[in-house]
N, C-alpha and C. Protein backbone atom coordinates (compact mmCIF):
# COMPACT_ATOMS: atom_id res chain seq x y z
N UNK A 1 97.19 -91.53 70.50
CA UNK A 1 97.08 -89.71 69.90
C UNK A 1 95.93 -90.03 68.25
N UNK A 2 95.06 -89.23 69.25
CA UNK A 2 94.47 -88.52 68.67
C UNK A 2 94.66 -87.54 66.89
N UNK A 3 93.91 -88.40 65.58
CA UNK A 3 93.92 -87.86 64.35
C UNK A 3 92.47 -86.23 63.98
N UNK A 4 93.19 -85.37 64.32
CA UNK A 4 91.51 -83.87 63.77
C UNK A 4 92.07 -83.90 62.36
N UNK A 5 91.11 -83.86 61.38
CA UNK A 5 91.41 -83.55 60.01
C UNK A 5 90.15 -82.06 60.52
N UNK A 6 90.75 -81.02 59.77
CA UNK A 6 90.71 -79.91 59.83
C UNK A 6 90.12 -79.82 57.80
N UNK A 7 88.52 -79.63 57.61
CA UNK A 7 88.20 -78.97 56.35
C UNK A 7 87.62 -78.58 56.55
N UNK A 8 87.15 -77.79 55.18
CA UNK A 8 86.22 -76.48 54.58
C UNK A 8 87.50 -75.92 52.87
N UNK A 9 86.42 -74.73 52.74
CA UNK A 9 87.04 -73.96 51.59
C UNK A 9 87.61 -73.35 51.88
N UNK A 10 88.18 -73.33 50.60
CA UNK A 10 88.95 -71.78 50.45
C UNK A 10 88.37 -70.75 51.53
N UNK A 11 89.60 -70.37 51.77
CA UNK A 11 89.02 -68.52 53.42
C UNK A 11 88.02 -69.18 54.33
N UNK A 12 88.12 -70.52 54.16
CA UNK A 12 86.65 -71.34 55.59
C UNK A 12 87.63 -70.40 56.86
N UNK A 13 88.86 -70.22 57.20
CA UNK A 13 89.69 -70.39 58.84
C UNK A 13 89.95 -71.59 58.75
N UNK A 14 90.03 -72.42 58.11
CA UNK A 14 91.40 -73.46 57.97
C UNK A 14 92.66 -73.55 59.20
N UNK A 15 94.01 -72.53 58.26
CA UNK A 15 94.07 -72.06 58.81
C UNK A 15 94.43 -71.37 60.09
N UNK A 16 93.56 -70.41 60.35
CA UNK A 16 93.61 -70.25 61.77
C UNK A 16 92.75 -70.93 62.35
N UNK A 17 92.65 -72.30 62.52
CA UNK A 17 92.06 -72.61 63.27
C UNK A 17 93.60 -73.61 63.87
N UNK A 18 94.44 -73.74 63.27
CA UNK A 18 95.18 -75.10 62.82
C UNK A 18 96.52 -74.07 63.90
N UNK A 19 96.30 -72.63 63.50
CA UNK A 19 97.87 -71.51 64.12
C UNK A 19 96.68 -71.83 65.85
N UNK A 20 96.38 -71.99 65.47
CA UNK A 20 94.86 -71.81 67.39
C UNK A 20 95.56 -73.30 68.00
N UNK A 21 95.53 -74.48 67.83
CA UNK A 21 96.29 -75.46 68.11
C UNK A 21 97.92 -75.42 68.00
N UNK A 22 98.32 -74.83 66.96
CA UNK A 22 99.95 -74.63 67.48
C UNK A 22 100.21 -73.94 68.10
N UNK A 23 99.18 -72.96 68.84
CA UNK A 23 99.65 -71.74 70.18
C UNK A 23 99.38 -73.04 71.07
N UNK A 24 98.00 -74.38 71.27
CA UNK A 24 98.17 -74.38 72.67
C UNK A 24 99.48 -75.84 72.11
N UNK A 25 100.55 -75.60 71.42
CA UNK A 25 101.35 -76.83 71.64
C UNK A 25 100.72 -78.74 70.94
N UNK A 26 99.14 -78.28 70.40
CA UNK A 26 99.18 -79.69 69.65
C UNK A 26 99.93 -79.72 68.56
N UNK A 27 100.13 -80.80 68.43
CA UNK A 27 101.20 -80.61 66.71
C UNK A 27 99.80 -81.04 65.25
N UNK A 28 100.49 -80.10 64.32
CA UNK A 28 99.97 -80.04 63.10
C UNK A 28 100.23 -79.81 61.69
N UNK A 29 100.17 -80.71 60.94
CA UNK A 29 100.71 -81.45 59.89
C UNK A 29 99.43 -79.99 58.70
N UNK A 30 100.87 -79.78 57.99
CA UNK A 30 100.31 -78.44 57.08
C UNK A 30 99.61 -79.32 55.71
N UNK A 31 98.44 -79.85 55.70
CA UNK A 31 98.62 -81.12 54.35
C UNK A 31 99.14 -80.08 53.46
N UNK A 32 98.89 -79.00 53.24
CA UNK A 32 98.80 -78.35 51.35
C UNK A 32 100.49 -77.91 51.25
N UNK A 33 100.80 -77.83 52.40
CA UNK A 33 102.46 -77.16 52.49
C UNK A 33 103.52 -79.02 51.86
N UNK A 34 102.46 -79.26 52.78
CA UNK A 34 103.21 -80.79 52.39
C UNK A 34 103.09 -81.51 50.21
N UNK A 35 101.55 -80.82 50.27
CA UNK A 35 100.83 -80.89 48.19
C UNK A 35 102.34 -80.12 48.07
N UNK A 36 102.29 -78.90 48.05
CA UNK A 36 103.79 -78.37 47.46
C UNK A 36 104.54 -78.78 47.43
N UNK A 37 105.04 -79.13 48.20
CA UNK A 37 106.87 -79.78 48.05
C UNK A 37 106.47 -80.77 47.13
N UNK A 38 105.82 -81.68 47.43
CA UNK A 38 105.52 -83.06 46.85
C UNK A 38 105.51 -82.87 45.32
N UNK A 39 104.88 -81.89 44.95
CA UNK A 39 104.53 -81.90 43.44
C UNK A 39 106.25 -81.21 42.36
N UNK A 40 107.20 -80.28 44.08
CA UNK A 40 108.25 -79.95 42.99
C UNK A 40 109.06 -80.93 43.09
N UNK A 41 108.91 -82.01 43.26
CA UNK A 41 109.83 -82.99 43.52
C UNK A 41 109.40 -84.03 42.70
N UNK A 42 110.18 -84.92 42.47
CA UNK A 42 109.47 -86.33 41.06
C UNK A 42 109.60 -87.15 42.54
N UNK A 43 108.98 -87.93 42.07
CA UNK A 43 108.71 -88.42 40.56
C UNK A 43 106.93 -87.53 40.15
N UNK A 44 106.63 -86.53 40.53
CA UNK A 44 105.40 -86.52 41.01
C UNK A 44 105.30 -85.44 40.00
N UNK A 45 106.55 -84.01 39.94
CA UNK A 45 106.76 -83.47 38.77
C UNK A 45 106.79 -84.00 37.03
N UNK A 46 107.27 -85.19 37.30
CA UNK A 46 106.76 -85.51 35.88
C UNK A 46 105.62 -86.36 35.89
N UNK A 47 104.45 -87.03 36.85
CA UNK A 47 103.53 -87.14 35.85
C UNK A 47 102.82 -85.80 36.10
N UNK A 48 102.64 -84.78 36.94
CA UNK A 48 102.87 -83.71 37.16
C UNK A 48 101.92 -83.08 35.17
N UNK A 49 103.40 -82.87 34.76
CA UNK A 49 103.73 -82.93 33.34
C UNK A 49 103.27 -83.25 32.18
N UNK A 50 103.32 -85.03 33.00
CA UNK A 50 103.20 -85.39 31.53
C UNK A 50 100.70 -85.39 31.64
N UNK A 51 100.58 -85.66 32.76
CA UNK A 51 98.97 -84.81 32.76
C UNK A 51 98.46 -83.75 32.40
N UNK A 52 98.94 -82.58 32.32
CA UNK A 52 99.09 -81.31 31.95
C UNK A 52 99.45 -80.48 31.35
N UNK A 53 100.82 -80.66 31.17
CA UNK A 53 101.68 -79.98 29.58
C UNK A 53 102.46 -79.33 30.94
N UNK A 54 103.78 -79.60 30.20
CA UNK A 54 104.99 -77.81 30.53
C UNK A 54 104.23 -76.76 31.71
N UNK A 55 103.16 -76.64 31.10
CA UNK A 55 102.57 -75.19 31.69
C UNK A 55 101.85 -75.04 32.66
N UNK A 56 102.37 -76.60 33.41
CA UNK A 56 102.00 -76.88 35.58
C UNK A 56 103.14 -76.36 36.07
N UNK A 57 104.27 -76.13 35.30
CA UNK A 57 105.64 -75.40 36.24
C UNK A 57 106.03 -73.93 35.29
N UNK A 58 106.50 -73.30 35.84
CA UNK A 58 106.37 -71.58 35.53
C UNK A 58 107.70 -72.04 34.97
N UNK A 59 108.51 -70.49 34.50
CA UNK A 59 109.30 -70.85 33.33
C UNK A 59 110.99 -70.66 35.25
N UNK A 60 110.58 -70.95 35.91
CA UNK A 60 111.84 -70.83 36.70
C UNK A 60 111.27 -72.71 37.15
N UNK A 61 110.34 -73.75 36.74
CA UNK A 61 110.66 -74.53 36.46
C UNK A 61 109.65 -74.93 38.04
N UNK A 62 109.04 -73.77 39.10
CA UNK A 62 108.26 -74.15 40.28
C UNK A 62 106.90 -74.47 39.38
N UNK A 63 106.02 -75.08 40.12
CA UNK A 63 104.09 -75.30 40.22
C UNK A 63 104.42 -74.03 39.75
N UNK A 64 102.66 -73.79 38.91
CA UNK A 64 102.86 -72.26 38.22
C UNK A 64 101.26 -72.69 39.13
N UNK A 65 101.05 -71.98 39.83
CA UNK A 65 99.84 -71.34 41.13
C UNK A 65 98.60 -70.53 39.94
N UNK A 66 99.12 -70.20 39.27
CA UNK A 66 98.34 -69.85 38.35
C UNK A 66 97.20 -69.79 37.33
N UNK A 67 98.77 -71.15 36.58
CA UNK A 67 98.09 -72.12 35.70
C UNK A 67 97.45 -73.57 37.08
N UNK A 68 97.35 -73.48 38.56
CA UNK A 68 96.86 -74.46 38.58
C UNK A 68 95.29 -74.11 39.66
N UNK A 69 95.48 -72.37 39.55
CA UNK A 69 94.02 -71.93 40.14
C UNK A 69 93.29 -71.70 38.86
N UNK A 70 93.60 -71.84 37.77
CA UNK A 70 92.54 -71.67 36.37
C UNK A 70 92.18 -73.22 36.25
N UNK A 71 92.92 -73.96 36.72
CA UNK A 71 92.54 -75.54 36.11
C UNK A 71 91.40 -76.09 37.57
N UNK A 72 91.57 -75.54 38.48
CA UNK A 72 91.19 -75.82 39.79
C UNK A 72 89.49 -74.83 39.61
N UNK A 73 89.64 -74.32 38.80
CA UNK A 73 88.37 -72.85 39.01
C UNK A 73 86.94 -73.93 37.33
N UNK A 74 87.99 -74.50 36.49
CA UNK A 74 87.46 -75.13 35.60
C UNK A 74 86.92 -76.42 35.94
N UNK A 75 87.40 -77.04 36.48
CA UNK A 75 87.39 -78.54 37.85
C UNK A 75 85.93 -78.43 37.67
N UNK A 76 85.73 -76.99 38.73
CA UNK A 76 84.58 -76.88 39.66
C UNK A 76 83.30 -76.71 39.05
N UNK A 77 83.75 -75.14 37.82
CA UNK A 77 82.67 -75.59 36.38
C UNK A 77 81.87 -76.58 35.95
N UNK A 78 82.94 -78.01 35.66
CA UNK A 78 82.90 -79.03 35.07
C UNK A 78 81.42 -80.29 35.97
N UNK A 79 82.78 -79.81 37.81
CA UNK A 79 80.93 -80.79 38.41
C UNK A 79 79.92 -79.85 38.84
N UNK A 80 79.98 -78.25 38.69
CA UNK A 80 78.50 -78.02 38.92
C UNK A 80 77.75 -77.97 37.50
N UNK A 81 78.35 -78.15 36.26
CA UNK A 81 77.81 -78.65 34.86
C UNK A 81 77.45 -80.32 34.84
N UNK A 82 77.92 -81.04 35.72
CA UNK A 82 77.16 -82.52 35.30
C UNK A 82 76.38 -82.52 36.84
N UNK A 83 76.13 -81.46 37.95
CA UNK A 83 75.01 -82.27 38.77
C UNK A 83 74.32 -81.05 38.48
N UNK A 84 74.27 -80.55 36.73
CA UNK A 84 72.92 -79.29 36.61
C UNK A 84 72.63 -80.94 35.71
N UNK A 85 73.15 -81.35 35.08
CA UNK A 85 73.00 -81.82 33.87
C UNK A 85 72.42 -83.43 34.23
N UNK A 86 72.81 -83.52 35.84
CA UNK A 86 72.27 -85.11 36.46
C UNK A 86 71.09 -84.30 37.32
N UNK A 87 70.64 -83.71 37.65
CA UNK A 87 69.63 -83.46 38.27
C UNK A 87 68.12 -83.32 37.02
N UNK A 88 68.80 -82.41 35.60
CA UNK A 88 67.86 -82.26 34.75
C UNK A 88 67.03 -83.63 34.26
N UNK A 89 68.40 -84.84 34.00
CA UNK A 89 68.10 -85.84 33.50
C UNK A 89 67.31 -86.95 34.87
N UNK A 90 67.56 -86.48 36.12
CA UNK A 90 66.84 -87.27 37.07
C UNK A 90 65.24 -86.56 36.71
N UNK A 91 65.13 -85.64 36.26
CA UNK A 91 63.78 -84.68 36.26
C UNK A 91 62.68 -86.10 35.17
N UNK A 92 63.46 -86.13 34.42
CA UNK A 92 62.59 -86.62 32.90
C UNK A 92 62.74 -87.57 33.07
N UNK A 93 63.04 -88.56 33.86
CA UNK A 93 63.11 -89.80 34.11
C UNK A 93 61.79 -90.34 35.02
């Protein structure tokens, strides 16, 4: 059986394409759903709390999506900053 990965940024149409595959009878593994389930169970739950603090989960002890989104956006800005600084340092070399 061939395995195909669908990649892309937020809002790029991955789910749309996956739904087309499902309609055609092609099995689809939803990694996002699997990851969310894993993040709400041990041992990953404890590891995430240790790494990011208790704020990673909300008052109902479910994954705090807003916290996760802010973390993701911050990491994206950090990567952009790293790229900018690398680019500038390359020009001075």
